[in-house]
Amino acid sequence: MVEAEQAHQTGRGQSKVLQRVVRNVNDRQSGRIKPPLRDELSAVQTRIASLKKKKRKYLELYEIDDIDRNMFSERLSVLKEELDTELTGKSKLELELRDDRLTQYPSNLCTI
């Protein structure tokens, strides 16, 4: 009976150690990868907002006939291309950040 209790206590202690190891691995992994990706995502979102603002300004200028049609078309085309590039980059970064969360190990798998 005493041996069974000791084995149970030992198993519980090992489980706690294993949980700490898994938590440390997850913390290191997310700490190493996420901040640079989050910073880059933030920068991309800022650029997207800026491009959308420029697009609105050109639309306003066109509406008040302050810019000719050819110039408007050219500028809008360039902005659209830049915006598409930034939106694609944003999607990729969001996917990487999401995948990083999925690769972490659940600590409830550590129970013995």
PDB file of N, CA and C in Angstrom:
ATOM      1  N   MET A   1       0.826  -1.187   0.000  1.00  0.00           N
ATOM      2  CA  MET A   1       0.000   0.000   0.000  1.00  0.00           C
ATOM      3  C   MET A   1       0.874   1.255   0.000  1.00  0.00           C
ATOM      4  N   VAL A   2       1.915   1.252   0.819  1.00  0.00           N
ATOM      5  CA  VAL A   2       2.828   2.395   0.908  1.00  0.00           C
ATOM      6  C   VAL A   2       3.562   2.562  -0.425  1.00  0.00           C
ATOM      7  N   GLU A   3       3.940   1.461  -1.052  1.00  0.00           N
ATOM      8  CA  GLU A   3       4.636   1.516  -2.333  1.00  0.00           C
ATOM      9  C   GLU A   3       3.735   2.127  -3.409  1.00  0.00           C
ATOM     10  N   ALA A   4       2.466   1.793  -3.388  1.00  0.00           N
ATOM     11  CA  ALA A   4       1.523   2.346  -4.365  1.00  0.00           C
ATOM     12  C   ALA A   4       1.388   3.847  -4.172  1.00  0.00           C
ATOM     13  N   GLU A   5       1.332   4.293  -2.922  1.00  0.00           N
ATOM     14  CA  GLU A   5       1.228   5.728  -2.628  1.00  0.00           C
ATOM     15  C   GLU A   5       2.494   6.453  -3.081  1.00  0.00           C
ATOM     16  N   GLN A   6       3.664   5.843  -2.833  1.00  0.00           N
ATOM     17  CA  GLN A   6       4.919   6.462  -3.261  1.00  0.00           C
ATOM     18  C   GLN A   6       4.992   6.545  -4.784  1.00  0.00           C
ATOM     19  N   ALA A   7       4.550   5.498  -5.453  1.00  0.00           N
ATOM     20  CA  ALA A   7       4.547   5.501  -6.920  1.00  0.00           C
ATOM     21  C   ALA A   7       3.610   6.583  -7.445  1.00  0.00           C
ATOM     22  N   HIS A   8       2.467   6.732  -6.781  1.00  0.00           N
ATOM     23  CA  HIS A   8       1.509   7.761  -7.183  1.00  0.00           C
ATOM     24  C   HIS A   8       2.108   9.159  -6.998  1.00  0.00           C
ATOM     25  N   GLN A   9       2.773   9.370  -5.861  1.00  0.00           N
ATOM     26  CA  GLN A   9       3.404  10.659  -5.578  1.00  0.00           C
ATOM     27  C   GLN A   9       4.524  10.942  -6.591  1.00  0.00           C
ATOM     28  N   THR A  10       5.321   9.922  -6.902  1.00  0.00           N
ATOM     29  CA  THR A  10       6.409  10.072  -7.864  1.00  0.00           C
ATOM     30  C   THR A  10       5.848  10.420  -9.241  1.00  0.00           C
ATOM     31  N   GLY A  11       4.786   9.737  -9.645  1.00  0.00           N
ATOM     32  CA  GLY A  11       4.143  10.019 -10.933  1.00  0.00           C
ATOM     33  C   GLY A  11       3.613  11.432 -10.993  1.00  0.00           C
ATOM     34  N   ARG A  12       3.017  11.915  -9.906  1.00  0.00           N
ATOM     35  CA  ARG A  12       2.495  13.272  -9.861  1.00  0.00           C
ATOM     36  C   ARG A  12       3.637  14.291  -9.954  1.00  0.00           C
ATOM     37  N   GLY A  13       4.736  14.007  -9.279  1.00  0.00           N
ATOM     38  CA  GLY A  13       5.899  14.902  -9.343  1.00  0.00           C
ATOM     39  C   GLY A  13       6.481  14.958 -10.743  1.00  0.00           C
ATOM     40  N   GLN A  14       6.574  13.802 -11.395  1.00  0.00           N
ATOM     41  CA  GLN A  14       7.084  13.763 -12.768  1.00  0.00           C
ATOM     42  C   GLN A  14       6.153  14.522 -13.715  1.00  0.00           C
ATOM     43  N   SER A  15       4.864  14.398 -13.458  1.00  0.00           N
ATOM     44  CA  SER A  15       3.889  15.089 -14.288  1.00  0.00           C
ATOM     45  C   SER A  15       4.068  16.603 -14.181  1.00  0.00           C
ATOM     46  N   LYS A  16       4.281  17.094 -12.981  1.00  0.00           N
ATOM     47  CA  LYS A  16       4.477  18.536 -12.789  1.00  0.00           C
ATOM     48  C   LYS A  16       5.751  19.017 -13.480  1.00  0.00           C
ATOM     49  N   VAL A  17       6.808  18.218 -13.384  1.00  0.00           N
ATOM     50  CA  VAL A  17       8.068  18.574 -14.044  1.00  0.00           C
ATOM     51  C   VAL A  17       7.854  18.610 -15.553  1.00  0.00           C
ATOM     52  N   LEU A  18       7.167  17.609 -16.072  1.00  0.00           N
ATOM     53  CA  LEU A  18       6.909  17.549 -17.507  1.00  0.00           C
ATOM     54  C   LEU A  18       6.059  18.738 -17.956  1.00  0.00           C
ATOM     55  N   GLN A  19       5.071  19.121 -17.155  1.00  0.00           N
ATOM     56  CA  GLN A  19       4.242  20.277 -17.480  1.00  0.00           C
ATOM     57  C   GLN A  19       5.081  21.558 -17.533  1.00  0.00           C
ATOM     58  N   ARG A  20       6.008  21.704 -16.597  1.00  0.00           N
ATOM     59  CA  ARG A  20       6.879  22.885 -16.598  1.00  0.00           C
ATOM     60  C   ARG A  20       7.775  22.905 -17.836  1.00  0.00           C
ATOM     61  N   VAL A  21       8.287  21.738 -18.216  1.00  0.00           N
ATOM     62  CA  VAL A  21       9.151  21.656 -19.398  1.00  0.00           C
ATOM     63  C   VAL A  21       8.362  22.060 -20.645  1.00  0.00           C
ATOM     64  N   VAL A  22       7.143  21.526 -20.786  1.00  0.00           N
ATOM     65  CA  VAL A  22       6.315  21.860 -21.942  1.00  0.00           C
ATOM     66  C   VAL A  22       5.997  23.350 -21.948  1.00  0.00           C
ATOM     67  N   ARG A  23       5.663  23.919 -20.797  1.00  0.00           N
ATOM     68  CA  ARG A  23       5.357  25.348 -20.704  1.00  0.00           C
ATOM     69  C   ARG A  23       6.575  26.176 -21.120  1.00  0.00           C
ATOM     70  N   ASN A  24       7.764  25.766 -20.661  1.00  0.00           N
ATOM     71  CA  ASN A  24       8.986  26.502 -21.027  1.00  0.00           C
ATOM     72  C   ASN A  24       9.263  26.428 -22.527  1.00  0.00           C
ATOM     73  N   VAL A  25       9.064  25.240 -23.108  1.00  0.00           N
ATOM     74  CA  VAL A  25       9.277  25.081 -24.555  1.00  0.00           C
ATOM     75  C   VAL A  25       8.309  25.977 -25.322  1.00  0.00           C
ATOM     76  N   ASN A  26       7.046  25.966 -24.931  1.00  0.00           N
ATOM     77  CA  ASN A  26       6.046  26.808 -25.602  1.00  0.00           C
ATOM     78  C   ASN A  26       6.373  28.287 -25.445  1.00  0.00           C
ATOM     79  N   ASP A  27       6.780  28.698 -24.246  1.00  0.00           N
ATOM     80  CA  ASP A  27       7.126  30.100 -24.007  1.00  0.00           C
ATOM     81  C   ASP A  27       8.313  30.534 -24.864  1.00  0.00           C
ATOM     82  N   ARG A  28       9.317  29.701 -24.934  1.00  0.00           N
ATOM     83  CA  ARG A  28      10.498  30.031 -25.747  1.00  0.00           C
ATOM     84  C   ARG A  28      10.144  30.118 -27.214  1.00  0.00           C
ATOM     85  N   GLN A  29       9.343  29.153 -27.663  1.00  0.00           N
ATOM     86  CA  GLN A  29       8.969  29.119 -29.076  1.00  0.00           C
ATOM     87  C   GLN A  29       8.157  30.350 -29.445  1.00  0.00           C
ATOM     88  N   SER A  30       7.171  30.693 -28.661  1.00  0.00           N
ATOM     89  CA  SER A  30       6.348  31.853 -28.995  1.00  0.00           C
ATOM     90  C   SER A  30       7.124  33.145 -28.789  1.00  0.00           C
ATOM     91  N   GLY A  31       7.986  33.206 -27.814  1.00  0.00           N
ATOM     92  CA  GLY A  31       8.781  34.401 -27.572  1.00  0.00           C
ATOM     93  C   GLY A  31       9.802  34.645 -28.656  1.00  0.00           C
ATOM     94  N   ARG A  32      10.265  33.586 -29.259  1.00  0.00           N
ATOM     95  CA  ARG A  32      11.290  33.697 -30.287  1.00  0.00           C
ATOM     96  C   ARG A  32      10.689  34.095 -31.632  1.00  0.00           C
ATOM     97  N   ILE A  33       9.494  33.636 -31.923  1.00  0.00           N
ATOM     98  CA  ILE A  33       8.924  33.814 -33.249  1.00  0.00           C
ATOM     99  C   ILE A  33       7.940  34.981 -33.316  1.00  0.00           C
ATOM    100  N   LYS A  34       7.074  35.100 -32.355  1.00  0.00           N
ATOM    101  CA  LYS A  34       5.947  36.015 -32.468  1.00  0.00           C
ATOM    102  C   LYS A  34       6.283  37.504 -32.475  1.00  0.00           C
ATOM    103  N   PRO A  35       7.132  38.011 -31.599  1.00  0.00           N
ATOM    104  CA  PRO A  35       7.339  39.472 -31.605  1.00  0.00           C
ATOM    105  C   PRO A  35       7.781  40.045 -32.954  1.00  0.00           C
ATOM    106  N   PRO A  36       8.748  39.453 -33.643  1.00  0.00           N
ATOM    107  CA  PRO A  36       9.116  40.026 -34.948  1.00  0.00           C
ATOM    108  C   PRO A  36       7.952  39.955 -35.946  1.00  0.00           C
ATOM    109  N   LEU A  37       7.198  38.867 -35.917  1.00  0.00           N
ATOM    110  CA  LEU A  37       6.071  38.745 -36.835  1.00  0.00           C
ATOM    111  C   LEU A  37       4.977  39.742 -36.490  1.00  0.00           C
ATOM    112  N   ARG A  38       4.731  39.927 -35.215  1.00  0.00           N
ATOM    113  CA  ARG A  38       3.716  40.904 -34.793  1.00  0.00           C
ATOM    114  C   ARG A  38       4.131  42.315 -35.189  1.00  0.00           C
ATOM    115  N   ASP A  39       5.411  42.626 -35.021  1.00  0.00           N
ATOM    116  CA  ASP A  39       5.909  43.950 -35.413  1.00  0.00           C
ATOM    117  C   ASP A  39       5.755  44.155 -36.911  1.00  0.00           C
ATOM    118  N   GLU A  40       6.087  43.136 -37.668  1.00  0.00           N
ATOM    119  CA  GLU A  40       5.972  43.227 -39.122  1.00  0.00           C
ATOM    120  C   GLU A  40       4.506  43.357 -39.534  1.00  0.00           C
ATOM    121  N   LEU A  41       3.628  42.616 -38.869  1.00  0.00           N
ATOM    122  CA  LEU A  41       2.194  42.698 -39.158  1.00  0.00           C
ATOM    123  C   LEU A  41       1.675  44.102 -38.869  1.00  0.00           C
ATOM    124  N   SER A  42       2.117  44.672 -37.783  1.00  0.00           N
ATOM    125  CA  SER A  42       1.708  46.032 -37.431  1.00  0.00           C
ATOM    126  C   SER A  42       2.157  47.035 -38.493  1.00  0.00           C
ATOM    127  N   ALA A  43       3.376  46.878 -38.966  1.00  0.00           N
ATOM    128  CA  ALA A  43       3.898  47.770 -40.011  1.00  0.00           C
ATOM    129  C   ALA A  43       3.100  47.612 -41.307  1.00  0.00           C
ATOM    130  N   VAL A  44       2.758  46.389 -41.648  1.00  0.00           N
ATOM    131  CA  VAL A  44       1.967  46.140 -42.858  1.00  0.00           C
ATOM    132  C   VAL A  44       0.586  46.776 -42.719  1.00  0.00           C
ATOM    133  N   GLN A  45      -0.021  46.635 -41.552  1.00  0.00           N
ATOM    134  CA  GLN A  45      -1.344  47.232 -41.337  1.00  0.00           C
ATOM    135  C   GLN A  45      -1.281  48.755 -41.440  1.00  0.00           C
ATOM    136  N   THR A  46      -0.200  49.347 -40.969  1.00  0.00           N
ATOM    137  CA  THR A  46      -0.024  50.795 -41.083  1.00  0.00           C
ATOM    138  C   THR A  46       0.104  51.209 -42.547  1.00  0.00           C
ATOM    139  N   ARG A  47       0.868  50.445 -43.317  1.00  0.00           N
ATOM    140  CA  ARG A  47       1.021  50.754 -44.743  1.00  0.00           C
ATOM    141  C   ARG A  47      -0.307  50.597 -45.487  1.00  0.00           C
ATOM    142  N   ILE A  48      -1.081  49.584 -45.121  1.00  0.00           N
ATOM    143  CA  ILE A  48      -2.389  49.371 -45.748  1.00  0.00           C
ATOM    144  C   ILE A  48      -3.304  50.565 -45.468  1.00  0.00           C
ATOM    145  N   ALA A  49      -3.330  51.006 -44.233  1.00  0.00           N
ATOM    146  CA  ALA A  49      -4.160  52.163 -43.877  1.00  0.00           C
ATOM    147  C   ALA A  49      -3.729  53.399 -44.664  1.00  0.00           C
ATOM    148  N   SER A  50      -2.424  53.589 -44.809  1.00  0.00           N
ATOM    149  CA  SER A  50      -1.909  54.736 -45.556  1.00  0.00           C
ATOM    150  C   SER A  50      -2.313  54.661 -47.029  1.00  0.00           C
ATOM    151  N   LEU A  51      -2.217  53.489 -47.613  1.00  0.00           N
ATOM    152  CA  LEU A  51      -2.593  53.327 -49.020  1.00  0.00           C
ATOM    153  C   LEU A  51      -4.088  53.565 -49.223  1.00  0.00           C
ATOM    154  N   LYS A  52      -4.898  53.096 -48.293  1.00  0.00           N
ATOM    155  CA  LYS A  52      -6.344  53.323 -48.395  1.00  0.00           C
ATOM    156  C   LYS A  52      -6.671  54.807 -48.279  1.00  0.00           C
ATOM    157  N   LYS A  53      -5.939  55.505 -47.430  1.00  0.00           N
ATOM    158  CA  LYS A  53      -6.141  56.949 -47.270  1.00  0.00           C
ATOM    159  C   LYS A  53      -5.774  57.681 -48.565  1.00  0.00           C
ATOM    160  N   LYS A  54      -4.652  57.278 -49.185  1.00  0.00           N
ATOM    161  CA  LYS A  54      -4.246  57.888 -50.457  1.00  0.00           C
ATOM    162  C   LYS A  54      -5.306  57.643 -51.532  1.00  0.00           C
ATOM    163  N   LYS A  55      -5.833  56.436 -51.547  1.00  0.00           N
ATOM    164  CA  LYS A  55      -6.853  56.079 -52.530  1.00  0.00           C
ATOM    165  C   LYS A  55      -8.089  56.972 -52.366  1.00  0.00           C
ATOM    166  N   ARG A  56      -8.501  57.179 -51.123  1.00  0.00           N
ATOM    167  CA  ARG A  56      -9.649  58.063 -50.859  1.00  0.00           C
ATOM    168  C   ARG A  56      -9.368  59.491 -51.326  1.00  0.00           C
ATOM    169  N   LYS A  57      -8.134  59.962 -51.095  1.00  0.00           N
ATOM    170  CA  LYS A  57      -7.781  61.321 -51.519  1.00  0.00           C
ATOM    171  C   LYS A  57      -7.857  61.469 -53.038  1.00  0.00           C
ATOM    172  N   TYR A  58      -7.359  60.461 -53.768  1.00  0.00           N
ATOM    173  CA  TYR A  58      -7.437  60.525 -55.226  1.00  0.00           C
ATOM    174  C   TYR A  58      -8.884  60.487 -55.694  1.00  0.00           C
ATOM    175  N   LEU A  59      -9.699  59.694 -55.037  1.00  0.00           N
ATOM    176  CA  LEU A  59     -11.116  59.657 -55.396  1.00  0.00           C
ATOM    177  C   LEU A  59     -11.775  61.013 -55.167  1.00  0.00           C
ATOM    178  N   GLU A  60     -11.429  61.641 -54.053  1.00  0.00           N
ATOM    179  CA  GLU A  60     -11.973  62.979 -53.764  1.00  0.00           C
ATOM    180  C   GLU A  60     -11.511  63.992 -54.814  1.00  0.00           C
ATOM    181  N   LEU A  61     -10.232  63.941 -55.164  1.00  0.00           N
ATOM    182  CA  LEU A  61      -9.717  64.853 -56.187  1.00  0.00           C
ATOM    183  C   LEU A  61     -10.411  64.637 -57.526  1.00  0.00           C
ATOM    184  N   TYR A  62     -10.657  63.390 -57.864  1.00  0.00           N
ATOM    185  CA  TYR A  62     -11.331  63.083 -59.126  1.00  0.00           C
ATOM    186  C   TYR A  62     -12.776  63.585 -59.109  1.00  0.00           C
ATOM    187  N   GLU A  63     -13.430  63.427 -57.970  1.00  0.00           N
ATOM    188  CA  GLU A  63     -14.825  63.856 -57.846  1.00  0.00           C
ATOM    189  C   GLU A  63     -14.978  65.365 -58.014  1.00  0.00           C
ATOM    190  N   ILE A  64     -13.993  66.111 -57.566  1.00  0.00           N
ATOM    191  CA  ILE A  64     -14.093  67.578 -57.698  1.00  0.00           C
ATOM    192  C   ILE A  64     -13.364  68.080 -58.952  1.00  0.00           C
ATOM    193  N   ASP A  65     -13.051  67.157 -59.846  1.00  0.00           N
ATOM    194  CA  ASP A  65     -12.398  67.481 -61.117  1.00  0.00           C
ATOM    195  C   ASP A  65     -11.077  68.216 -60.938  1.00  0.00           C
ATOM    196  N   ASP A  66     -10.343  67.852 -59.934  1.00  0.00           N
ATOM    197  CA  ASP A  66      -9.045  68.482 -59.685  1.00  0.00           C
ATOM    198  C   ASP A  66      -7.892  67.638 -60.235  1.00  0.00           C
ATOM    199  N   ILE A  67      -8.212  66.502 -60.827  1.00  0.00           N
ATOM    200  CA  ILE A  67      -7.186  65.624 -61.400  1.00  0.00           C
ATOM    201  C   ILE A  67      -7.777  65.030 -62.683  1.00  0.00           C
ATOM    202  N   ASP A  68      -6.957  64.925 -63.723  1.00  0.00           N
ATOM    203  CA  ASP A  68      -7.519  64.402 -64.972  1.00  0.00           C
ATOM    204  C   ASP A  68      -7.645  62.877 -64.913  1.00  0.00           C
ATOM    205  N   ARG A  69      -8.432  62.375 -65.816  1.00  0.00           N
ATOM    206  CA  ARG A  69      -8.807  60.964 -65.792  1.00  0.00           C
ATOM    207  C   ARG A  69      -7.605  60.032 -65.963  1.00  0.00           C
ATOM    208  N   ASN A  70      -6.689  60.344 -66.853  1.00  0.00           N
ATOM    209  CA  ASN A  70      -5.524  59.479 -67.091  1.00  0.00           C
ATOM    210  C   ASN A  70      -4.622  59.401 -65.864  1.00  0.00           C
ATOM    211  N   MET A  71      -4.355  60.556 -65.283  1.00  0.00           N
ATOM    212  CA  MET A  71      -3.519  60.566 -64.084  1.00  0.00           C
ATOM    213  C   MET A  71      -4.208  59.807 -62.948  1.00  0.00           C
ATOM    214  N   PHE A  72      -5.495  60.031 -62.813  1.00  0.00           N
ATOM    215  CA  PHE A  72      -6.274  59.335 -61.783  1.00  0.00           C
ATOM    216  C   PHE A  72      -6.191  57.825 -61.978  1.00  0.00           C
ATOM    217  N   SER A  73      -6.375  57.400 -63.204  1.00  0.00           N
ATOM    218  CA  SER A  73      -6.338  55.969 -63.519  1.00  0.00           C
ATOM    219  C   SER A  73      -4.969  55.361 -63.207  1.00  0.00           C
ATOM    220  N   GLU A  74      -3.908  56.081 -63.603  1.00  0.00           N
ATOM    221  CA  GLU A  74      -2.546  55.605 -63.326  1.00  0.00           C
ATOM    222  C   GLU A  74      -2.291  55.476 -61.826  1.00  0.00           C
ATOM    223  N   ARG A  75      -2.586  56.518 -61.104  1.00  0.00           N
ATOM    224  CA  ARG A  75      -2.341  56.524 -59.661  1.00  0.00           C
ATOM    225  C   ARG A  75      -3.154  55.441 -58.962  1.00  0.00           C
ATOM    226  N   LEU A  76      -4.407  55.297 -59.365  1.00  0.00           N
ATOM    227  CA  LEU A  76      -5.261  54.282 -58.747  1.00  0.00           C
ATOM    228  C   LEU A  76      -4.741  52.876 -59.031  1.00  0.00           C
ATOM    229  N   SER A  77      -4.238  52.684 -60.241  1.00  0.00           N
ATOM    230  CA  SER A  77      -3.683  51.382 -60.619  1.00  0.00           C
ATOM    231  C   SER A  77      -2.453  51.035 -59.771  1.00  0.00           C
ATOM    232  N   VAL A  78      -1.567  52.009 -59.590  1.00  0.00           N
ATOM    233  CA  VAL A  78      -0.366  51.803 -58.773  1.00  0.00           C
ATOM    234  C   VAL A  78      -0.759  51.521 -57.320  1.00  0.00           C
ATOM    235  N   LEU A  79      -1.697  52.312 -56.804  1.00  0.00           N
ATOM    236  CA  LEU A  79      -2.145  52.100 -55.419  1.00  0.00           C
ATOM    237  C   LEU A  79      -2.781  50.726 -55.247  1.00  0.00           C
ATOM    238  N   LYS A  80      -3.575  50.310 -56.232  1.00  0.00           N
ATOM    239  CA  LYS A  80      -4.222  49.001 -56.154  1.00  0.00           C
ATOM    240  C   LYS A  80      -3.184  47.885 -56.109  1.00  0.00           C
ATOM    241  N   GLU A  81      -2.163  48.008 -56.920  1.00  0.00           N
ATOM    242  CA  GLU A  81      -1.092  47.008 -56.959  1.00  0.00           C
ATOM    243  C   GLU A  81      -0.356  46.947 -55.611  1.00  0.00           C
ATOM    244  N   GLU A  82      -0.020  48.112 -55.081  1.00  0.00           N
ATOM    245  CA  GLU A  82       0.665  48.163 -53.786  1.00  0.00           C
ATOM    246  C   GLU A  82      -0.227  47.605 -52.677  1.00  0.00           C
ATOM    247  N   LEU A  83      -1.500  47.951 -52.722  1.00  0.00           N
ATOM    248  CA  LEU A  83      -2.446  47.479 -51.716  1.00  0.00           C
ATOM    249  C   LEU A  83      -2.600  45.957 -51.778  1.00  0.00           C
ATOM    250  N   ASP A  84      -2.680  45.419 -52.984  1.00  0.00           N
ATOM    251  CA  ASP A  84      -2.779  43.959 -53.143  1.00  0.00           C
ATOM    252  C   ASP A  84      -1.547  43.264 -52.565  1.00  0.00           C
ATOM    253  N   THR A  85      -0.375  43.833 -52.819  1.00  0.00           N
ATOM    254  CA  THR A  85       0.872  43.264 -52.293  1.00  0.00           C
ATOM    255  C   THR A  85       0.865  43.270 -50.764  1.00  0.00           C
ATOM    256  N   GLU A  86       0.464  44.386 -50.182  1.00  0.00           N
ATOM    257  CA  GLU A  86       0.432  44.504 -48.716  1.00  0.00           C
ATOM    258  C   GLU A  86      -0.613  43.565 -48.104  1.00  0.00           C
ATOM    259  N   LEU A  87      -1.772  43.456 -48.741  1.00  0.00           N
ATOM    260  CA  LEU A  87      -2.814  42.571 -48.224  1.00  0.00           C
ATOM    261  C   LEU A  87      -2.381  41.103 -48.282  1.00  0.00           C
ATOM    262  N   THR A  88      -1.662  40.747 -49.338  1.00  0.00           N
ATOM    263  CA  THR A  88      -1.128  39.383 -49.439  1.00  0.00           C
ATOM    264  C   THR A  88      -0.120  39.130 -48.323  1.00  0.00           C
ATOM    265  N   GLY A  89       0.765  40.093 -48.099  1.00  0.00           N
ATOM    266  CA  GLY A  89       1.739  39.967 -47.011  1.00  0.00           C
ATOM    267  C   GLY A  89       1.070  39.866 -45.658  1.00  0.00           C
ATOM    268  N   LYS A  90       0.020  40.637 -45.468  1.00  0.00           N
ATOM    269  CA  LYS A  90      -0.723  40.598 -44.204  1.00  0.00           C
ATOM    270  C   LYS A  90      -1.319  39.207 -43.983  1.00  0.00           C
ATOM    271  N   SER A  91      -1.905  38.650 -45.011  1.00  0.00           N
ATOM    272  CA  SER A  91      -2.501  37.311 -44.902  1.00  0.00           C
ATOM    273  C   SER A  91      -1.454  36.262 -44.548  1.00  0.00           C
ATOM    274  N   LYS A  92      -0.303  36.359 -45.179  1.00  0.00           N
ATOM    275  CA  LYS A  92       0.773  35.403 -44.899  1.00  0.00           C
ATOM    276  C   LYS A  92       1.243  35.511 -43.443  1.00  0.00           C
ATOM    277  N   LEU A  93       1.408  36.739 -42.964  1.00  0.00           N
ATOM    278  CA  LEU A  93       1.845  36.942 -41.579  1.00  0.00           C
ATOM    279  C   LEU A  93       0.806  36.421 -40.594  1.00  0.00           C
ATOM    280  N   GLU A  94      -0.459  36.708 -40.867  1.00  0.00           N
ATOM    281  CA  GLU A  94      -1.518  36.217 -39.979  1.00  0.00           C
ATOM    282  C   GLU A  94      -1.546  34.694 -39.959  1.00  0.00           C
ATOM    283  N   LEU A  95      -1.319  34.081 -41.099  1.00  0.00           N
ATOM    284  CA  LEU A  95      -1.281  32.624 -41.174  1.00  0.00           C
ATOM    285  C   LEU A  95      -0.103  32.068 -40.382  1.00  0.00           C
ATOM    286  N   GLU A  96       1.051  32.704 -40.500  1.00  0.00           N
ATOM    287  CA  GLU A  96       2.226  32.257 -39.734  1.00  0.00           C
ATOM    288  C   GLU A  96       1.988  32.373 -38.236  1.00  0.00           C
ATOM    289  N   LEU A  97       1.387  33.479 -37.828  1.00  0.00           N
ATOM    290  CA  LEU A  97       1.102  33.665 -36.405  1.00  0.00           C
ATOM    291  C   LEU A  97       0.097  32.630 -35.918  1.00  0.00           C
ATOM    292  N   ARG A  98      -0.892  32.342 -36.730  1.00  0.00           N
ATOM    293  CA  ARG A  98      -1.889  31.334 -36.356  1.00  0.00           C
ATOM    294  C   ARG A  98      -1.247  29.948 -36.298  1.00  0.00           C
ATOM    295  N   ASP A  99      -0.424  29.615 -37.285  1.00  0.00           N
ATOM    296  CA  ASP A  99       0.251  28.321 -37.302  1.00  0.00           C
ATOM    297  C   ASP A  99       1.170  28.161 -36.105  1.00  0.00           C
ATOM    298  N   ASP A 100       1.796  29.245 -35.667  1.00  0.00           N
ATOM    299  CA  ASP A 100       2.677  29.189 -34.507  1.00  0.00           C
ATOM    300  C   ASP A 100       1.892  28.790 -33.260  1.00  0.00           C
ATOM    301  N   ARG A 101       0.679  29.316 -33.136  1.00  0.00           N
ATOM    302  CA  ARG A 101      -0.162  28.935 -31.993  1.00  0.00           C
ATOM    303  C   ARG A 101      -0.507  27.460 -32.058  1.00  0.00           C
ATOM    304  N   LEU A 102      -0.721  26.941 -33.275  1.00  0.00           N
ATOM    305  CA  LEU A 102      -1.119  25.548 -33.431  1.00  0.00           C
ATOM    306  C   LEU A 102       0.019  24.581 -33.135  1.00  0.00           C
ATOM    307  N   THR A 103       1.277  25.019 -33.278  1.00  0.00           N
ATOM    308  CA  THR A 103       2.399  24.125 -33.061  1.00  0.00           C
ATOM    309  C   THR A 103       2.825  24.041 -31.600  1.00  0.00           C
ATOM    310  N   GLN A 104       2.186  24.798 -30.739  1.00  0.00           N
ATOM    311  CA  GLN A 104       2.516  24.700 -29.330  1.00  0.00           C
ATOM    312  C   GLN A 104       1.929  23.404 -28.767  1.00  0.00           C
ATOM    313  N   TYR A 105       2.605  22.870 -27.773  1.00  0.00           N
ATOM    314  CA  TYR A 105       2.201  21.615 -27.178  1.00  0.00           C
ATOM    315  C   TYR A 105       1.228  21.861 -26.034  1.00  0.00           C
ATOM    316  N   PRO A 106       0.099  21.172 -26.035  1.00  0.00           N
ATOM    317  CA  PRO A 106      -0.848  21.353 -24.927  1.00  0.00           C
ATOM    318  C   PRO A 106      -0.295  20.747 -23.638  1.00  0.00           C
ATOM    319  N   SER A 107      -0.397  21.498 -22.562  1.00  0.00           N
ATOM    320  CA  SER A 107       0.163  21.027 -21.304  1.00  0.00           C
ATOM    321  C   SER A 107      -0.657  19.895 -20.691  1.00  0.00           C
ATOM    322  N   ASN A 108      -1.905  19.716 -21.110  1.00  0.00           N
ATOM    323  CA  ASN A 108      -2.714  18.626 -20.538  1.00  0.00           C
ATOM    324  C   ASN A 108      -2.286  17.257 -21.059  1.00  0.00           C
ATOM    325  N   LEU A 109      -1.394  17.199 -22.014  1.00  0.00           N
ATOM    326  CA  LEU A 109      -0.871  15.922 -22.490  1.00  0.00           C
ATOM    327  C   LEU A 109       0.198  15.367 -21.557  1.00  0.00           C
ATOM    328  N   CYS A 110       0.539  16.142 -20.546  1.00  0.00           N
ATOM    329  CA  CYS A 110       1.641  15.796 -19.652  1.00  0.00           C
ATOM    330  C   CYS A 110       1.180  14.958 -18.464  1.00  0.00           C
ATOM    331  N   THR A 111      -0.052  14.654 -18.368  1.00  0.00           N
ATOM    332  CA  THR A 111      -0.506  13.885 -17.207  1.00  0.00           C
ATOM    333  C   THR A 111      -0.121  12.425 -17.358  1.00  0.00           C
ATOM    334  N   ILE A 112       0.378  11.871 -16.318  1.00  0.00           N
ATOM    335  CA  ILE A 112       0.824  10.472 -16.335  1.00  0.00           C
ATOM    336  C   ILE A 112      -0.186   9.614 -15.622  1.00  0.00           C
TER     337      ILE A 112
END
